[in-house]
């Protein structure tokens, strides 16, 4: 038979309770930052940065081409392509976040926001193609903007608009004290 007692001693039981009370009081005074604010912040940074970079890139593409070879490869197209790829991934993740965000209103409202975002992107693509074809056949000249870049810039501004609209629809939650 074992000589160890089945229950802990009184001293160890009271010591454990006092350390548990100290940890509980320390937890009560710490601020809980919800994961929602992290997702909103990362999406805001991604969408804003992409909108600015892609707009600058599209604007530079409208300038007449310089026929002399550059000293080094331009970094803006590579950086903008990377931003746009990341932005597409963040947009897909943000759509999933909206669908499962309980503070974003009813499920119907969240589905409407996601549907409006997807349909808006498709309508924007159709309008962009229409403007491109009209510009191609009606305006004749050597200065033509890079329509792919202009489309990507318009899409990134649409993402930023989605973020602003959905953020205003969300129920705002103050950081709360943990209890």
Protein backbone atom coordinates (compact mmCIF):
# COMPACT_ATOMS: atom_id res chain seq x y z
CA UNK A 1 0.00 0.00 0.00
CA UNK A 2 1.01 3.57 -0.66
CA UNK A 3 1.81 5.92 2.19
CA UNK A 4 0.70 9.07 0.30
CA UNK A 5 -2.49 10.70 1.58
CA UNK A 6 -5.53 10.79 -0.68
CA UNK A 7 -6.16 14.48 -0.04
CA UNK A 8 -3.61 17.30 -0.12
CA UNK A 9 -2.50 18.84 3.15
CA UNK A 10 -4.17 21.99 4.49
CA UNK A 11 -1.06 24.12 3.84
CA UNK A 12 -0.82 23.16 0.16
CA UNK A 13 -4.56 23.65 -0.36
CA UNK A 14 -4.54 27.19 1.11
CA UNK A 15 -1.37 28.10 -0.78
CA UNK A 16 -2.98 27.02 -4.07
CA UNK A 17 -6.13 29.04 -3.33
CA UNK A 18 -4.18 32.23 -2.56
CA UNK A 19 -2.12 31.94 -5.77
CA UNK A 20 -5.38 31.32 -7.67
CA UNK A 21 -6.88 34.52 -6.18
CA UNK A 22 -3.76 36.49 -7.17
CA UNK A 23 -3.97 35.23 -10.76
CA UNK A 24 -7.70 36.02 -10.92
CA UNK A 25 -7.12 39.59 -9.73
CA UNK A 26 -4.33 40.01 -12.27
CA UNK A 27 -6.62 38.70 -15.06
CA UNK A 28 -9.41 41.06 -13.99
CA UNK A 29 -7.18 44.08 -14.59
CA UNK A 30 -5.92 43.06 -18.05
CA UNK A 31 -7.58 44.39 -21.19
CA UNK A 32 -8.90 41.90 -23.71
CA UNK A 33 -8.39 42.99 -27.32
CA UNK A 34 -10.80 41.09 -29.56
CA UNK A 35 -9.47 39.42 -32.69
CA UNK A 36 -11.94 41.45 -34.73
CA UNK A 37 -9.88 44.62 -34.32
CA UNK A 38 -6.78 42.81 -35.57
CA UNK A 39 -8.62 41.58 -38.68
CA UNK A 40 -10.11 45.02 -39.30
CA UNK A 41 -6.68 46.66 -38.91
CA UNK A 42 -4.88 44.23 -41.24
CA UNK A 43 -7.63 44.54 -43.83
CA UNK A 44 -7.58 48.35 -43.59
CA UNK A 45 -3.81 48.44 -44.06
CA UNK A 46 -3.92 46.01 -46.98
CA UNK A 47 -6.85 47.63 -48.79
CA UNK A 48 -5.59 51.20 -48.29
CA UNK A 49 -2.02 50.40 -49.33
CA UNK A 50 -3.18 48.49 -52.38
CA UNK A 51 -5.57 51.25 -53.45
CA UNK A 52 -2.84 53.89 -53.22
CA UNK A 53 -0.10 51.84 -54.90
CA UNK A 54 -2.30 50.55 -57.72
CA UNK A 55 -3.69 54.04 -58.40
CA UNK A 56 -0.17 55.47 -58.59
CA UNK A 57 0.86 52.62 -60.89
CA UNK A 58 -2.18 53.11 -63.15
CA UNK A 59 -1.56 56.87 -63.29
CA UNK A 60 2.08 56.35 -64.30
CA UNK A 61 1.02 53.93 -67.03
CA UNK A 62 -0.91 56.71 -68.77
CA UNK A 63 2.25 58.75 -69.42
CA UNK A 64 3.81 58.40 -72.87
CA UNK A 65 6.39 55.63 -72.89
CA UNK A 66 10.04 56.53 -72.56
CA UNK A 67 11.86 54.85 -75.43
CA UNK A 68 15.27 54.89 -73.77
CA UNK A 69 16.04 51.78 -71.75
CA UNK A 70 15.91 52.31 -67.96
CA UNK A 71 19.03 51.92 -65.85
CA UNK A 72 17.34 49.31 -63.68
CA UNK A 73 14.05 47.49 -63.65
CA UNK A 74 11.21 49.58 -62.18
CA UNK A 75 10.07 48.31 -58.79
CA UNK A 76 6.56 49.76 -58.82
CA UNK A 77 5.01 47.05 -61.07
CA UNK A 78 6.43 44.25 -58.93
CA UNK A 79 5.42 45.93 -55.68
CA UNK A 80 1.93 46.73 -56.99
CA UNK A 81 1.45 43.17 -58.26
CA UNK A 82 2.44 41.83 -54.87
CA UNK A 83 0.06 44.24 -53.11
CA UNK A 84 -2.79 43.30 -55.42
CA UNK A 85 -2.23 39.58 -54.90
CA UNK A 86 -2.16 40.03 -51.13
CA UNK A 87 -5.23 42.25 -51.32
CA UNK A 88 -7.17 39.56 -53.20
CA UNK A 89 -6.32 37.03 -50.50
CA UNK A 90 -7.25 39.48 -47.76
CA UNK A 91 -10.52 40.27 -49.56
CA UNK A 92 -11.45 36.56 -49.69
CA UNK A 93 -10.55 36.19 -46.01
CA UNK A 94 -12.54 39.32 -45.17
CA UNK A 95 -15.60 37.86 -46.94
CA UNK A 96 -15.33 34.74 -44.77
CA UNK A 97 -14.83 36.92 -41.68
CA UNK A 98 -17.98 38.90 -42.50
CA UNK A 99 -20.02 35.71 -42.87
CA UNK A 100 -19.00 34.43 -39.43
CA UNK A 101 -18.85 37.77 -37.54
CA UNK A 102 -21.62 37.69 -34.93
CA UNK A 103 -21.27 41.41 -34.15
CA UNK A 104 -21.90 42.30 -37.79
CA UNK A 105 -25.66 42.11 -37.54
CA UNK A 106 -28.05 39.40 -38.60
CA UNK A 107 -26.95 36.62 -40.92
CA UNK A 108 -29.18 38.09 -43.63
CA UNK A 109 -27.46 41.47 -43.36
CA UNK A 110 -24.03 39.84 -43.54
CA UNK A 111 -25.02 37.77 -46.59
CA UNK A 112 -26.30 40.96 -48.26
CA UNK A 113 -22.94 42.69 -47.61
CA UNK A 114 -20.97 39.76 -49.05
CA UNK A 115 -23.34 39.44 -52.02
CA UNK A 116 -23.19 43.18 -52.72
CA UNK A 117 -19.41 43.06 -52.60
CA UNK A 118 -19.15 40.17 -55.05
CA UNK A 119 -21.85 41.52 -57.39
CA UNK A 120 -20.27 44.99 -57.17
CA UNK A 121 -16.92 43.59 -58.27
CA UNK A 122 -18.59 41.85 -61.22
CA UNK A 123 -20.54 44.98 -62.21
CA UNK A 124 -17.36 47.02 -61.89
CA UNK A 125 -15.61 44.54 -64.19
CA UNK A 126 -18.41 44.78 -66.76
CA UNK A 127 -18.43 48.58 -66.64
CA UNK A 128 -14.67 48.61 -66.97
CA UNK A 129 -14.81 46.43 -70.08
CA UNK A 130 -17.48 48.71 -71.55
CA UNK A 131 -15.41 51.83 -70.93
CA UNK A 132 -12.31 50.13 -72.32
CA UNK A 133 -14.10 49.11 -75.53
CA UNK A 134 -15.64 52.58 -75.91
CA UNK A 135 -12.28 54.23 -75.36
CA UNK A 136 -10.60 51.84 -77.77
CA UNK A 137 -13.01 52.53 -80.63
CA UNK A 138 -13.85 56.20 -80.02
CA UNK A 139 -10.53 57.71 -78.93
CA UNK A 140 -7.74 57.24 -81.39
CA UNK A 141 -4.25 58.17 -80.31
CA UNK A 142 -0.95 56.86 -79.04
CA UNK A 143 -1.75 57.62 -75.36
CA UNK A 144 -3.79 54.79 -74.01
CA UNK A 145 -3.78 53.91 -70.33
CA UNK A 146 -3.00 50.42 -69.19
CA UNK A 147 -6.55 49.18 -68.71
CA UNK A 148 -5.54 46.16 -66.67
CA UNK A 149 -3.90 48.43 -64.12
CA UNK A 150 -6.87 50.77 -64.08
CA UNK A 151 -9.19 47.80 -63.48
CA UNK A 152 -7.07 46.58 -60.57
CA UNK A 153 -6.98 50.08 -59.07
CA UNK A 154 -10.77 50.35 -59.30
CA UNK A 155 -11.15 46.93 -57.67
CA UNK A 156 -8.86 47.91 -54.79
CA UNK A 157 -10.86 51.09 -54.17
CA UNK A 158 -14.01 48.93 -54.14
CA UNK A 159 -12.41 46.77 -51.43
CA UNK A 160 -11.62 49.85 -49.37
CA UNK A 161 -15.22 51.04 -49.75
CA UNK A 162 -16.43 47.63 -48.53
CA UNK A 163 -14.24 47.92 -45.44
CA UNK A 164 -15.58 51.39 -44.62
CA UNK A 165 -19.23 50.41 -45.14
CA UNK A 166 -19.00 47.16 -43.17
CA UNK A 167 -17.09 48.84 -40.34
CA UNK A 168 -19.89 51.38 -40.01
CA UNK A 169 -22.49 48.58 -39.93
CA UNK A 170 -20.74 46.58 -37.22
CA UNK A 171 -21.77 46.90 -33.61
CA UNK A 172 -18.82 48.64 -32.00
CA UNK A 173 -17.42 46.96 -28.94
CA UNK A 174 -15.22 48.77 -26.44
CA UNK A 175 -12.21 46.84 -25.14
CA UNK A 176 -13.48 45.29 -21.95
CA UNK A 177 -11.83 44.29 -18.74
CA UNK A 178 -11.49 40.55 -18.27
CA UNK A 179 -13.41 39.20 -15.31
